[in-house]
Amino acid sequence: MKKNYKLIIIGGGLVGLSTAYNLVTNYNGYSTVKGEDILVLEKNKFFNDKGSSAGSTRQFRYQYTEKYMTELVIQSIPDWQKLQQFTTNSLIEHVGSLWFGDPKLPTTEGGINPAEKTMDKTGVPY
């Protein structure tokens, strides 16, 4: 039987599945498409460890050298809280972070001074 879809999402990783979920769950107060109108294609099995969002854990952090990245993290909190309602597993653990390196280096091993400035600008305590 031939089926036509309104939307085909290539990739069933974090972004692809999040896109499908938010389209179906009446995100932001308007219905976009019904679940049966969406096809998610994934070359591996779903929830695999081969993609960029592979594995079951990630670091959730505020310290970025780019202000827009920290702002995106802050803006994502309500969505994480909404998603948390659907599971008893804790999605975000609030723990401390020890970040060290050469503050003069502009890399992830450094970048401390620019991240400090970003956190100051966005009101993130550290």
PDB file of N, CA and C in Angstrom:
ATOM      1  N   MET A   1       0.844  -1.183   0.000  1.00  0.00           N
ATOM      2  CA  MET A   1       0.000   0.000   0.000  1.00  0.00           C
ATOM      3  C   MET A   1       0.884   1.240   0.000  1.00  0.00           C
ATOM      4  N   LYS A   2       0.614   2.147  -0.876  1.00  0.00           N
ATOM      5  CA  LYS A   2       1.370   3.384  -0.997  1.00  0.00           C
ATOM      6  C   LYS A   2       0.846   4.404   0.006  1.00  0.00           C
ATOM      7  N   LYS A   3       1.759   5.111   0.655  1.00  0.00           N
ATOM      8  CA  LYS A   3       1.371   6.117   1.660  1.00  0.00           C
ATOM      9  C   LYS A   3       2.064   7.428   1.324  1.00  0.00           C
ATOM     10  N   ASN A   4       1.342   8.511   1.367  1.00  0.00           N
ATOM     11  CA  ASN A   4       1.917   9.840   1.187  1.00  0.00           C
ATOM     12  C   ASN A   4       2.063  10.502   2.551  1.00  0.00           C
ATOM     13  N   TYR A   5       3.192  11.160   2.764  1.00  0.00           N
ATOM     14  CA  TYR A   5       3.463  11.841   4.025  1.00  0.00           C
ATOM     15  C   TYR A   5       3.560  13.334   3.788  1.00  0.00           C
ATOM     16  N   LYS A   6       3.098  14.102   4.754  1.00  0.00           N
ATOM     17  CA  LYS A   6       3.250  15.552   4.681  1.00  0.00           C
ATOM     18  C   LYS A   6       4.680  15.965   5.002  1.00  0.00           C
ATOM     19  N   LEU A   7       5.345  15.136   5.817  1.00  0.00           N
ATOM     20  CA  LEU A   7       6.700  15.462   6.242  1.00  0.00           C
ATOM     21  C   LEU A   7       7.512  14.188   6.386  1.00  0.00           C
ATOM     22  N   ILE A   8       8.712  14.186   5.812  1.00  0.00           N
ATOM     23  CA  ILE A   8       9.656  13.093   5.993  1.00  0.00           C
ATOM     24  C   ILE A   8      10.900  13.682   6.639  1.00  0.00           C
ATOM     25  N   ILE A   9      11.258  13.130   7.785  1.00  0.00           N
ATOM     26  CA  ILE A   9      12.426  13.601   8.529  1.00  0.00           C
ATOM     27  C   ILE A   9      13.545  12.591   8.329  1.00  0.00           C
ATOM     28  N   ILE A  10      14.668  13.073   7.836  1.00  0.00           N
ATOM     29  CA  ILE A  10      15.821  12.207   7.603  1.00  0.00           C
ATOM     30  C   ILE A  10      16.698  12.270   8.845  1.00  0.00           C
ATOM     31  N   GLY A  11      16.790  11.170   9.555  1.00  0.00           N
ATOM     32  CA  GLY A  11      17.603  11.092  10.764  1.00  0.00           C
ATOM     33  C   GLY A  11      16.730  11.015  11.999  1.00  0.00           C
ATOM     34  N   GLY A  12      16.889   9.925  12.737  1.00  0.00           N
ATOM     35  CA  GLY A  12      16.106   9.712  13.952  1.00  0.00           C
ATOM     36  C   GLY A  12      16.922   9.918  15.204  1.00  0.00           C
ATOM     37  N   GLY A  13      17.845  10.864  15.161  1.00  0.00           N
ATOM     38  CA  GLY A  13      18.611  11.213  16.354  1.00  0.00           C
ATOM     39  C   GLY A  13      17.869  12.255  17.169  1.00  0.00           C
ATOM     40  N   LEU A  14      18.590  12.950  18.005  1.00  0.00           N
ATOM     41  CA  LEU A  14      18.001  13.937  18.906  1.00  0.00           C
ATOM     42  C   LEU A  14      17.187  14.993  18.166  1.00  0.00           C
ATOM     43  N   VAL A  15      17.742  15.571  17.136  1.00  0.00           N
ATOM     44  CA  VAL A  15      17.048  16.650  16.420  1.00  0.00           C
ATOM     45  C   VAL A  15      15.866  16.107  15.621  1.00  0.00           C
ATOM     46  N   GLY A  16      16.035  14.985  14.929  1.00  0.00           N
ATOM     47  CA  GLY A  16      14.947  14.426  14.135  1.00  0.00           C
ATOM     48  C   GLY A  16      13.759  13.996  14.976  1.00  0.00           C
ATOM     49  N   LEU A  17      14.030  13.265  16.063  1.00  0.00           N
ATOM     50  CA  LEU A  17      12.942  12.818  16.927  1.00  0.00           C
ATOM     51  C   LEU A  17      12.299  13.978  17.669  1.00  0.00           C
ATOM     52  N   SER A  18      13.108  14.957  18.070  1.00  0.00           N
ATOM     53  CA  SER A  18      12.567  16.139  18.735  1.00  0.00           C
ATOM     54  C   SER A  18      11.653  16.913  17.788  1.00  0.00           C
ATOM     55  N   THR A  19      12.059  17.024  16.543  1.00  0.00           N
ATOM     56  CA  THR A  19      11.235  17.709  15.544  1.00  0.00           C
ATOM     57  C   THR A  19       9.891  16.996  15.383  1.00  0.00           C
ATOM     58  N   ALA A  20       9.943  15.686  15.216  1.00  0.00           N
ATOM     59  CA  ALA A  20       8.697  14.920  15.051  1.00  0.00           C
ATOM     60  C   ALA A  20       7.809  15.055  16.289  1.00  0.00           C
ATOM     61  N   TYR A  21       8.391  14.902  17.449  1.00  0.00           N
ATOM     62  CA  TYR A  21       7.630  14.997  18.706  1.00  0.00           C
ATOM     63  C   TYR A  21       6.940  16.354  18.826  1.00  0.00           C
ATOM     64  N   ASN A  22       7.689  17.419  18.596  1.00  0.00           N
ATOM     65  CA  ASN A  22       7.126  18.756  18.776  1.00  0.00           C
ATOM     66  C   ASN A  22       6.076  19.099  17.728  1.00  0.00           C
ATOM     67  N   LEU A  23       6.196  18.569  16.541  1.00  0.00           N
ATOM     68  CA  LEU A  23       5.170  18.792  15.530  1.00  0.00           C
ATOM     69  C   LEU A  23       3.868  18.090  15.888  1.00  0.00           C
ATOM     70  N   VAL A  24       3.966  16.920  16.478  1.00  0.00           N
ATOM     71  CA  VAL A  24       2.785  16.120  16.793  1.00  0.00           C
ATOM     72  C   VAL A  24       2.108  16.559  18.078  1.00  0.00           C
ATOM     73  N   THR A  25       2.860  17.086  19.029  1.00  0.00           N
ATOM     74  CA  THR A  25       2.288  17.378  20.347  1.00  0.00           C
ATOM     75  C   THR A  25       1.745  18.795  20.475  1.00  0.00           C
ATOM     76  N   ASN A  26       1.325  19.365  19.363  1.00  0.00           N
ATOM     77  CA  ASN A  26       0.665  20.668  19.443  1.00  0.00           C
ATOM     78  C   ASN A  26       1.587  21.729  20.020  1.00  0.00           C
ATOM     79  N   TYR A  27       2.817  21.696  19.650  1.00  0.00           N
ATOM     80  CA  TYR A  27       3.838  22.581  20.206  1.00  0.00           C
ATOM     81  C   TYR A  27       3.488  24.039  19.971  1.00  0.00           C
ATOM     82  N   ASN A  28       3.699  24.857  20.981  1.00  0.00           N
ATOM     83  CA  ASN A  28       3.412  26.300  20.955  1.00  0.00           C
ATOM     84  C   ASN A  28       1.949  26.619  20.649  1.00  0.00           C
ATOM     85  N   GLY A  29       1.058  25.691  20.980  1.00  0.00           N
ATOM     86  CA  GLY A  29      -0.363  26.006  20.894  1.00  0.00           C
ATOM     87  C   GLY A  29      -1.009  25.819  19.541  1.00  0.00           C
ATOM     88  N   TYR A  30      -0.320  25.290  18.557  1.00  0.00           N
ATOM     89  CA  TYR A  30      -0.968  25.044  17.279  1.00  0.00           C
ATOM     90  C   TYR A  30      -0.579  23.664  16.770  1.00  0.00           C
ATOM     91  N   SER A  31      -1.530  23.013  16.133  1.00  0.00           N
ATOM     92  CA  SER A  31      -1.283  21.681  15.612  1.00  0.00           C
ATOM     93  C   SER A  31      -0.689  21.811  14.221  1.00  0.00           C
ATOM     94  N   THR A  32       0.432  21.158  13.988  1.00  0.00           N
ATOM     95  CA  THR A  32       1.094  21.251  12.699  1.00  0.00           C
ATOM     96  C   THR A  32       0.707  20.086  11.800  1.00  0.00           C
ATOM     97  N   VAL A  33       1.001  18.880  12.231  1.00  0.00           N
ATOM     98  CA  VAL A  33       0.656  17.686  11.473  1.00  0.00           C
ATOM     99  C   VAL A  33       0.288  16.577  12.435  1.00  0.00           C
ATOM    100  N   LYS A  34      -0.437  15.590  11.931  1.00  0.00           N
ATOM    101  CA  LYS A  34      -0.772  14.427  12.749  1.00  0.00           C
ATOM    102  C   LYS A  34       0.371  13.415  12.663  1.00  0.00           C
ATOM    103  N   GLY A  35       0.479  12.571  13.665  1.00  0.00           N
ATOM    104  CA  GLY A  35       1.546  11.581  13.709  1.00  0.00           C
ATOM    105  C   GLY A  35       1.617  10.692  12.478  1.00  0.00           C
ATOM    106  N   GLU A  36       0.457  10.312  11.962  1.00  0.00           N
ATOM    107  CA  GLU A  36       0.458   9.422  10.797  1.00  0.00           C
ATOM    108  C   GLU A  36       0.890  10.140   9.510  1.00  0.00           C
ATOM    109  N   ASP A  37       1.054  11.475   9.571  1.00  0.00           N
ATOM    110  CA  ASP A  37       1.498  12.245   8.409  1.00  0.00           C
ATOM    111  C   ASP A  37       3.007  12.449   8.381  1.00  0.00           C
ATOM    112  N   ILE A  38       3.717  11.898   9.380  1.00  0.00           N
ATOM    113  CA  ILE A  38       5.158  12.080   9.493  1.00  0.00           C
ATOM    114  C   ILE A  38       5.859  10.727   9.390  1.00  0.00           C
ATOM    115  N   LEU A  39       6.944  10.714   8.633  1.00  0.00           N
ATOM    116  CA  LEU A  39       7.796   9.533   8.546  1.00  0.00           C
ATOM    117  C   LEU A  39       9.200   9.937   8.983  1.00  0.00           C
ATOM    118  N   VAL A  40       9.752   9.223   9.958  1.00  0.00           N
ATOM    119  CA  VAL A  40      11.134   9.452  10.395  1.00  0.00           C
ATOM    120  C   VAL A  40      11.970   8.300   9.856  1.00  0.00           C
ATOM    121  N   LEU A  41      12.977   8.632   9.068  1.00  0.00           N
ATOM    122  CA  LEU A  41      13.868   7.623   8.503  1.00  0.00           C
ATOM    123  C   LEU A  41      15.199   7.657   9.253  1.00  0.00           C
ATOM    124  N   GLU A  42      15.632   6.496   9.703  1.00  0.00           N
ATOM    125  CA  GLU A  42      16.911   6.375  10.423  1.00  0.00           C
ATOM    126  C   GLU A  42      17.668   5.203   9.821  1.00  0.00           C
ATOM    127  N   LYS A  43      18.915   5.407   9.412  1.00  0.00           N
ATOM    128  CA  LYS A  43      19.666   4.319   8.771  1.00  0.00           C
ATOM    129  C   LYS A  43      20.079   3.227   9.751  1.00  0.00           C
ATOM    130  N   ASN A  44      20.195   3.561  11.019  1.00  0.00           N
ATOM    131  CA  ASN A  44      20.497   2.575  12.058  1.00  0.00           C
ATOM    132  C   ASN A  44      19.230   2.341  12.870  1.00  0.00           C
ATOM    133  N   LYS A  45      19.303   1.529  13.892  1.00  0.00           N
ATOM    134  CA  LYS A  45      18.146   1.376  14.769  1.00  0.00           C
ATOM    135  C   LYS A  45      17.985   2.667  15.583  1.00  0.00           C
ATOM    136  N   PHE A  46      16.786   2.932  16.043  1.00  0.00           N
ATOM    137  CA  PHE A  46      16.558   4.112  16.871  1.00  0.00           C
ATOM    138  C   PHE A  46      17.293   3.949  18.194  1.00  0.00           C
ATOM    139  N   PHE A  47      17.717   5.058  18.766  1.00  0.00           N
ATOM    140  CA  PHE A  47      18.447   5.096  20.044  1.00  0.00           C
ATOM    141  C   PHE A  47      19.749   4.298  19.947  1.00  0.00           C
ATOM    142  N   ASN A  48      20.466   4.508  18.836  1.00  0.00           N
ATOM    143  CA  ASN A  48      21.733   3.819  18.634  1.00  0.00           C
ATOM    144  C   ASN A  48      22.892   4.668  19.168  1.00  0.00           C
ATOM    145  N   ASP A  49      24.095   4.150  19.073  1.00  0.00           N
ATOM    146  CA  ASP A  49      25.261   4.891  19.557  1.00  0.00           C
ATOM    147  C   ASP A  49      26.192   5.287  18.414  1.00  0.00           C
ATOM    148  N   LYS A  50      25.632   5.512  17.232  1.00  0.00           N
ATOM    149  CA  LYS A  50      26.443   5.811  16.062  1.00  0.00           C
ATOM    150  C   LYS A  50      26.377   7.275  15.611  1.00  0.00           C
ATOM    151  N   GLY A  51      25.448   8.047  16.116  1.00  0.00           N
ATOM    152  CA  GLY A  51      25.268   9.414  15.645  1.00  0.00           C
ATOM    153  C   GLY A  51      25.908  10.453  16.544  1.00  0.00           C
ATOM    154  N   SER A  52      25.733  11.703  16.173  1.00  0.00           N
ATOM    155  CA  SER A  52      26.322  12.787  16.960  1.00  0.00           C
ATOM    156  C   SER A  52      25.653  12.936  18.325  1.00  0.00           C
ATOM    157  N   SER A  53      24.435  12.450  18.456  1.00  0.00           N
ATOM    158  CA  SER A  53      23.769  12.493  19.758  1.00  0.00           C
ATOM    159  C   SER A  53      23.698  11.101  20.359  1.00  0.00           C
ATOM    160  N   ALA A  54      24.734  10.321  20.130  1.00  0.00           N
ATOM    161  CA  ALA A  54      24.751   8.932  20.572  1.00  0.00           C
ATOM    162  C   ALA A  54      24.973   8.818  22.075  1.00  0.00           C
ATOM    163  N   GLY A  55      24.539   7.701  22.610  1.00  0.00           N
ATOM    164  CA  GLY A  55      24.733   7.446  24.031  1.00  0.00           C
ATOM    165  C   GLY A  55      23.573   7.961  24.853  1.00  0.00           C
ATOM    166  N   SER A  56      23.567   7.577  26.115  1.00  0.00           N
ATOM    167  CA  SER A  56      22.415   7.916  26.957  1.00  0.00           C
ATOM    168  C   SER A  56      22.636   9.153  27.818  1.00  0.00           C
ATOM    169  N   THR A  57      23.813   9.730  27.823  1.00  0.00           N
ATOM    170  CA  THR A  57      24.047  10.910  28.649  1.00  0.00           C
ATOM    171  C   THR A  57      24.753  12.005  27.859  1.00  0.00           C
ATOM    172  N   ARG A  58      24.555  13.205  28.302  1.00  0.00           N
ATOM    173  CA  ARG A  58      25.201  14.394  27.730  1.00  0.00           C
ATOM    174  C   ARG A  58      25.479  15.371  28.857  1.00  0.00           C
ATOM    175  N   GLN A  59      26.395  16.263  28.605  1.00  0.00           N
ATOM    176  CA  GLN A  59      26.646  17.340  29.568  1.00  0.00           C
ATOM    177  C   GLN A  59      25.694  18.485  29.248  1.00  0.00           C
ATOM    178  N   PHE A  60      24.988  18.947  30.249  1.00  0.00           N
ATOM    179  CA  PHE A  60      24.116  20.109  30.110  1.00  0.00           C
ATOM    180  C   PHE A  60      24.819  21.244  30.836  1.00  0.00           C
ATOM    181  N   ARG A  61      25.244  22.247  30.113  1.00  0.00           N
ATOM    182  CA  ARG A  61      26.052  23.292  30.735  1.00  0.00           C
ATOM    183  C   ARG A  61      25.659  24.675  30.244  1.00  0.00           C
ATOM    184  N   TYR A  62      26.058  25.652  31.018  1.00  0.00           N
ATOM    185  CA  TYR A  62      25.811  27.050  30.698  1.00  0.00           C
ATOM    186  C   TYR A  62      27.064  27.759  30.198  1.00  0.00           C
ATOM    187  N   GLN A  63      28.233  27.214  30.502  1.00  0.00           N
ATOM    188  CA  GLN A  63      29.472  27.932  30.217  1.00  0.00           C
ATOM    189  C   GLN A  63      29.909  27.754  28.761  1.00  0.00           C
ATOM    190  N   TYR A  64      29.596  28.754  27.982  1.00  0.00           N
ATOM    191  CA  TYR A  64      30.020  28.822  26.588  1.00  0.00           C
ATOM    192  C   TYR A  64      30.726  30.154  26.368  1.00  0.00           C
ATOM    193  N   THR A  65      31.618  30.173  25.404  1.00  0.00           N
ATOM    194  CA  THR A  65      32.287  31.430  25.088  1.00  0.00           C
ATOM    195  C   THR A  65      31.382  32.332  24.249  1.00  0.00           C
ATOM    196  N   GLU A  66      30.394  31.739  23.575  1.00  0.00           N
ATOM    197  CA  GLU A  66      29.462  32.517  22.754  1.00  0.00           C
ATOM    198  C   GLU A  66      28.190  32.787  23.547  1.00  0.00           C
ATOM    199  N   LYS A  67      27.818  34.047  23.637  1.00  0.00           N
ATOM    200  CA  LYS A  67      26.638  34.442  24.423  1.00  0.00           C
ATOM    201  C   LYS A  67      25.365  33.763  23.913  1.00  0.00           C
ATOM    202  N   TYR A  68      25.218  33.653  22.599  1.00  0.00           N
ATOM    203  CA  TYR A  68      23.989  33.066  22.057  1.00  0.00           C
ATOM    204  C   TYR A  68      23.818  31.613  22.493  1.00  0.00           C
ATOM    205  N   MET A  69      24.926  30.889  22.683  1.00  0.00           N
ATOM    206  CA  MET A  69      24.823  29.492  23.121  1.00  0.00           C
ATOM    207  C   MET A  69      24.271  29.410  24.544  1.00  0.00           C
ATOM    208  N   THR A  70      24.776  30.261  25.430  1.00  0.00           N
ATOM    209  CA  THR A  70      24.266  30.282  26.807  1.00  0.00           C
ATOM    210  C   THR A  70      22.803  30.714  26.815  1.00  0.00           C
ATOM    211  N   GLU A  71      22.451  31.673  25.975  1.00  0.00           N
ATOM    212  CA  GLU A  71      21.050  32.108  25.899  1.00  0.00           C
ATOM    213  C   GLU A  71      20.142  30.978  25.410  1.00  0.00           C
ATOM    214  N   LEU A  72      20.611  30.184  24.455  1.00  0.00           N
ATOM    215  CA  LEU A  72      19.821  29.039  23.982  1.00  0.00           C
ATOM    216  C   LEU A  72      19.604  28.021  25.098  1.00  0.00           C
ATOM    217  N   VAL A  73      20.643  27.782  25.906  1.00  0.00           N
ATOM    218  CA  VAL A  73      20.509  26.859  27.032  1.00  0.00           C
ATOM    219  C   VAL A  73      19.442  27.372  28.000  1.00  0.00           C
ATOM    220  N   ILE A  74      19.519  28.639  28.339  1.00  0.00           N
ATOM    221  CA  ILE A  74      18.547  29.238  29.267  1.00  0.00           C
ATOM    222  C   ILE A  74      17.138  29.138  28.690  1.00  0.00           C
ATOM    223  N   GLN A  75      16.978  29.411  27.402  1.00  0.00           N
ATOM    224  CA  GLN A  75      15.666  29.354  26.762  1.00  0.00           C
ATOM    225  C   GLN A  75      15.120  27.930  26.692  1.00  0.00           C
ATOM    226  N   SER A  76      16.006  26.930  26.732  1.00  0.00           N
ATOM    227  CA  SER A  76      15.563  25.535  26.625  1.00  0.00           C
ATOM    228  C   SER A  76      15.001  24.973  27.928  1.00  0.00           C
ATOM    229  N   ILE A  77      15.252  25.624  29.045  1.00  0.00           N
ATOM    230  CA  ILE A  77      14.846  25.097  30.351  1.00  0.00           C
ATOM    231  C   ILE A  77      13.350  24.784  30.419  1.00  0.00           C
ATOM    232  N   PRO A  78      12.442  25.675  29.991  1.00  0.00           N
ATOM    233  CA  PRO A  78      11.009  25.324  30.054  1.00  0.00           C
ATOM    234  C   PRO A  78      10.664  24.079  29.239  1.00  0.00           C
ATOM    235  N   ASP A  79      11.318  23.877  28.106  1.00  0.00           N
ATOM    236  CA  ASP A  79      11.051  22.682  27.306  1.00  0.00           C
ATOM    237  C   ASP A  79      11.541  21.424  28.015  1.00  0.00           C
ATOM    238  N   TRP A  80      12.696  21.505  28.672  1.00  0.00           N
ATOM    239  CA  TRP A  80      13.193  20.366  29.444  1.00  0.00           C
ATOM    240  C   TRP A  80      12.245  20.059  30.605  1.00  0.00           C
ATOM    241  N   GLN A  81      11.724  21.106  31.244  1.00  0.00           N
ATOM    242  CA  GLN A  81      10.791  20.895  32.356  1.00  0.00           C
ATOM    243  C   GLN A  81       9.501  20.250  31.853  1.00  0.00           C
ATOM    244  N   LYS A  82       9.039  20.664  30.691  1.00  0.00           N
ATOM    245  CA  LYS A  82       7.832  20.078  30.108  1.00  0.00           C
ATOM    246  C   LYS A  82       8.066  18.600  29.774  1.00  0.00           C
ATOM    247  N   LEU A  83       9.208  18.287  29.203  1.00  0.00           N
ATOM    248  CA  LEU A  83       9.541  16.915  28.859  1.00  0.00           C
ATOM    249  C   LEU A  83       9.708  16.045  30.107  1.00  0.00           C
ATOM    250  N   GLN A  84      10.190  16.650  31.186  1.00  0.00           N
ATOM    251  CA  GLN A  84      10.405  15.911  32.435  1.00  0.00           C
ATOM    252  C   GLN A  84       9.098  15.331  32.978  1.00  0.00           C
ATOM    253  N   GLN A  85       7.976  15.950  32.659  1.00  0.00           N
ATOM    254  CA  GLN A  85       6.679  15.480  33.141  1.00  0.00           C
ATOM    255  C   GLN A  85       6.323  14.089  32.610  1.00  0.00           C
ATOM    256  N   PHE A  86       6.995  13.645  31.545  1.00  0.00           N
ATOM    257  CA  PHE A  86       6.663  12.369  30.917  1.00  0.00           C
ATOM    258  C   PHE A  86       7.535  11.214  31.380  1.00  0.00           C
ATOM    259  N   THR A  87       8.422  11.450  32.345  1.00  0.00           N
ATOM    260  CA  THR A  87       9.282  10.369  32.820  1.00  0.00           C
ATOM    261  C   THR A  87       9.625  10.564  34.295  1.00  0.00           C
ATOM    262  N   THR A  88       9.865   9.464  34.971  1.00  0.00           N
ATOM    263  CA  THR A  88      10.325   9.558  36.360  1.00  0.00           C
ATOM    264  C   THR A  88      11.849   9.615  36.422  1.00  0.00           C
ATOM    265  N   ASN A  89      12.508   9.333  35.307  1.00  0.00           N
ATOM    266  CA  ASN A  89      13.968   9.463  35.247  1.00  0.00           C
ATOM    267  C   ASN A  89      14.331  10.943  35.198  1.00  0.00           C
ATOM    268  N   SER A  90      15.292  11.331  35.977  1.00  0.00           N
ATOM    269  CA  SER A  90      15.728  12.721  35.982  1.00  0.00           C
ATOM    270  C   SER A  90      16.456  13.026  34.676  1.00  0.00           C
ATOM    271  N   LEU A  91      15.980  14.023  33.946  1.00  0.00           N
ATOM    272  CA  LEU A  91      16.591  14.376  32.668  1.00  0.00           C
ATOM    273  C   LEU A  91      17.791  15.287  32.839  1.00  0.00           C
ATOM    274  N   ILE A  92      17.753  16.157  33.831  1.00  0.00           N
ATOM    275  CA  ILE A  92      18.882  17.058  34.090  1.00  0.00           C
ATOM    276  C   ILE A  92      19.250  16.951  35.559  1.00  0.00           C
ATOM    277  N   GLU A  93      20.473  16.581  35.820  1.00  0.00           N
ATOM    278  CA  GLU A  93      21.008  16.535  37.180  1.00  0.00           C
ATOM    279  C   GLU A  93      21.751  17.846  37.433  1.00  0.00           C
ATOM    280  N   HIS A  94      21.441  18.488  38.515  1.00  0.00           N
ATOM    281  CA  HIS A  94      22.096  19.748  38.859  1.00  0.00           C
ATOM    282  C   HIS A  94      23.290  19.444  39.751  1.00  0.00           C
ATOM    283  N   VAL A  95      24.463  19.507  39.157  1.00  0.00           N
ATOM    284  CA  VAL A  95      25.708  19.239  39.872  1.00  0.00           C
ATOM    285  C   VAL A  95      26.703  20.339  39.544  1.00  0.00           C
ATOM    286  N   GLY A  96      27.752  20.394  40.295  1.00  0.00           N
ATOM    287  CA  GLY A  96      28.795  21.374  40.016  1.00  0.00           C
ATOM    288  C   GLY A  96      29.646  20.955  38.834  1.00  0.00           C
ATOM    289  N   SER A  97      30.475  21.863  38.406  1.00  0.00           N
ATOM    290  CA  SER A  97      31.355  21.585  37.281  1.00  0.00           C
ATOM    291  C   SER A  97      32.726  22.168  37.595  1.00  0.00           C
ATOM    292  N   LEU A  98      33.732  21.369  37.381  1.00  0.00           N
ATOM    293  CA  LEU A  98      35.102  21.838  37.542  1.00  0.00           C
ATOM    294  C   LEU A  98      35.682  21.979  36.150  1.00  0.00           C
ATOM    295  N   TRP A  99      35.975  23.205  35.776  1.00  0.00           N
ATOM    296  CA  TRP A  99      36.475  23.475  34.440  1.00  0.00           C
ATOM    297  C   TRP A  99      37.847  24.091  34.599  1.00  0.00           C
ATOM    298  N   PHE A 100      38.839  23.440  34.069  1.00  0.00           N
ATOM    299  CA  PHE A 100      40.187  23.965  34.211  1.00  0.00           C
ATOM    300  C   PHE A 100      40.938  23.864  32.895  1.00  0.00           C
ATOM    301  N   GLY A 101      41.952  24.661  32.787  1.00  0.00           N
ATOM    302  CA  GLY A 101      42.776  24.708  31.581  1.00  0.00           C
ATOM    303  C   GLY A 101      43.517  26.018  31.555  1.00  0.00           C
ATOM    304  N   ASP A 102      44.145  26.287  30.472  1.00  0.00           N
ATOM    305  CA  ASP A 102      44.867  27.539  30.304  1.00  0.00           C
ATOM    306  C   ASP A 102      43.877  28.609  29.864  1.00  0.00           C
ATOM    307  N   PRO A 103      43.608  29.600  30.717  1.00  0.00           N
ATOM    308  CA  PRO A 103      42.609  30.620  30.367  1.00  0.00           C
ATOM    309  C   PRO A 103      42.959  31.415  29.110  1.00  0.00           C
ATOM    310  N   LYS A 104      44.210  31.355  28.676  1.00  0.00           N
ATOM    311  CA  LYS A 104      44.629  32.110  27.489  1.00  0.00           C
ATOM    312  C   LYS A 104      44.280  31.376  26.193  1.00  0.00           C
ATOM    313  N   LEU A 105      44.008  30.065  26.291  1.00  0.00           N
ATOM    314  CA  LEU A 105      43.683  29.293  25.091  1.00  0.00           C
ATOM    315  C   LEU A 105      42.222  29.497  24.705  1.00  0.00           C
ATOM    316  N   PRO A 106      41.940  29.704  23.419  1.00  0.00           N
ATOM    317  CA  PRO A 106      40.550  29.899  22.983  1.00  0.00           C
ATOM    318  C   PRO A 106      39.829  28.589  22.670  1.00  0.00           C
ATOM    319  N   THR A 107      40.274  27.486  23.252  1.00  0.00           N
ATOM    320  CA  THR A 107      39.681  26.177  22.964  1.00  0.00           C
ATOM    321  C   THR A 107      38.821  25.721  24.133  1.00  0.00           C
ATOM    322  N   THR A 108      38.225  24.534  24.014  1.00  0.00           N
ATOM    323  CA  THR A 108      37.424  24.007  25.110  1.00  0.00           C
ATOM    324  C   THR A 108      38.278  23.685  26.326  1.00  0.00           C
ATOM    325  N   GLU A 109      39.580  23.483  26.124  1.00  0.00           N
ATOM    326  CA  GLU A 109      40.470  23.266  27.268  1.00  0.00           C
ATOM    327  C   GLU A 109      40.844  24.587  27.930  1.00  0.00           C
ATOM    328  N   GLY A 110      40.565  25.654  27.276  1.00  0.00           N
ATOM    329  CA  GLY A 110      40.784  26.999  27.803  1.00  0.00           C
ATOM    330  C   GLY A 110      39.458  27.728  27.723  1.00  0.00           C
ATOM    331  N   GLY A 111      39.458  28.871  27.106  1.00  0.00           N
ATOM    332  CA  GLY A 111      38.209  29.589  26.898  1.00  0.00           C
ATOM    333  C   GLY A 111      37.520  29.994  28.185  1.00  0.00           C
ATOM    334  N   ILE A 112      38.252  29.946  29.287  1.00  0.00           N
ATOM    335  CA  ILE A 112      37.644  30.221  30.589  1.00  0.00           C
ATOM    336  C   ILE A 112      37.273  31.697  30.713  1.00  0.00           C
ATOM    337  N   ASN A 113      38.184  32.581  30.337  1.00  0.00           N
ATOM    338  CA  ASN A 113      37.893  34.020  30.460  1.00  0.00           C
ATOM    339  C   ASN A 113      36.697  34.442  29.600  1.00  0.00           C
ATOM    340  N   PRO A 114      36.627  34.038  28.322  1.00  0.00           N
ATOM    341  CA  PRO A 114      35.437  34.402  27.537  1.00  0.00           C
ATOM    342  C   PRO A 114      34.143  33.810  28.092  1.00  0.00           C
ATOM    343  N   ALA A 115      34.211  32.582  28.623  1.00  0.00           N
ATOM    344  CA  ALA A 115      33.009  31.973  29.203  1.00  0.00           C
ATOM    345  C   ALA A 115      32.568  32.731  30.444  1.00  0.00           C
ATOM    346  N   GLU A 116      33.528  33.175  31.248  1.00  0.00           N
ATOM    347  CA  GLU A 116      33.202  33.996  32.428  1.00  0.00           C
ATOM    348  C   GLU A 116      32.450  35.256  32.014  1.00  0.00           C
ATOM    349  N   LYS A 117      32.938  35.904  30.960  1.00  0.00           N
ATOM    350  CA  LYS A 117      32.291  37.133  30.474  1.00  0.00           C
ATOM    351  C   LYS A 117      30.869  36.834  29.993  1.00  0.00           C
ATOM    352  N   THR A 118      30.707  35.720  29.294  1.00  0.00           N
ATOM    353  CA  THR A 118      29.366  35.333  28.808  1.00  0.00           C
ATOM    354  C   THR A 118      28.434  35.076  29.988  1.00  0.00           C
ATOM    355  N   MET A 119      28.910  34.361  30.987  1.00  0.00           N
ATOM    356  CA  MET A 119      28.060  34.058  32.140  1.00  0.00           C
ATOM    357  C   MET A 119      27.714  35.326  32.913  1.00  0.00           C
ATOM    358  N   ASP A 120      28.644  36.270  32.987  1.00  0.00           N
ATOM    359  CA  ASP A 120      28.349  37.553  33.610  1.00  0.00           C
ATOM    360  C   ASP A 120      27.239  38.281  32.853  1.00  0.00           C
ATOM    361  N   LYS A 121      27.349  38.306  31.516  1.00  0.00           N
ATOM    362  CA  LYS A 121      26.365  38.999  30.678  1.00  0.00           C
ATOM    363  C   LYS A 121      24.978  38.367  30.759  1.00  0.00           C
ATOM    364  N   THR A 122      24.920  37.067  30.948  1.00  0.00           N
ATOM    365  CA  THR A 122      23.630  36.361  30.942  1.00  0.00           C
ATOM    366  C   THR A 122      23.102  36.079  32.357  1.00  0.00           C
ATOM    367  N   GLY A 123      23.858  36.473  33.374  1.00  0.00           N
ATOM    368  CA  GLY A 123      23.403  36.294  34.752  1.00  0.00           C
ATOM    369  C   GLY A 123      23.514  34.881  35.284  1.00  0.00           C
ATOM    370  N   VAL A 124      24.389  34.082  34.701  1.00  0.00           N
ATOM    371  CA  VAL A 124      24.590  32.718  35.162  1.00  0.00           C
ATOM    372  C   VAL A 124      25.597  32.732  36.311  1.00  0.00           C
ATOM    373  N   PRO A 125      25.205  32.243  37.489  1.00  0.00           N
ATOM    374  CA  PRO A 125      26.146  32.240  38.620  1.00  0.00           C
ATOM    375  C   PRO A 125      27.235  31.185  38.436  1.00  0.00           C
ATOM    376  N   TYR A 126      28.414  31.478  38.993  1.00  0.00           N
ATOM    377  CA  TYR A 126      29.515  30.518  38.970  1.00  0.00           C
ATOM    378  C   TYR A 126      30.422  30.766  40.145  1.00  0.00           C
TER     379      TYR A 126
END
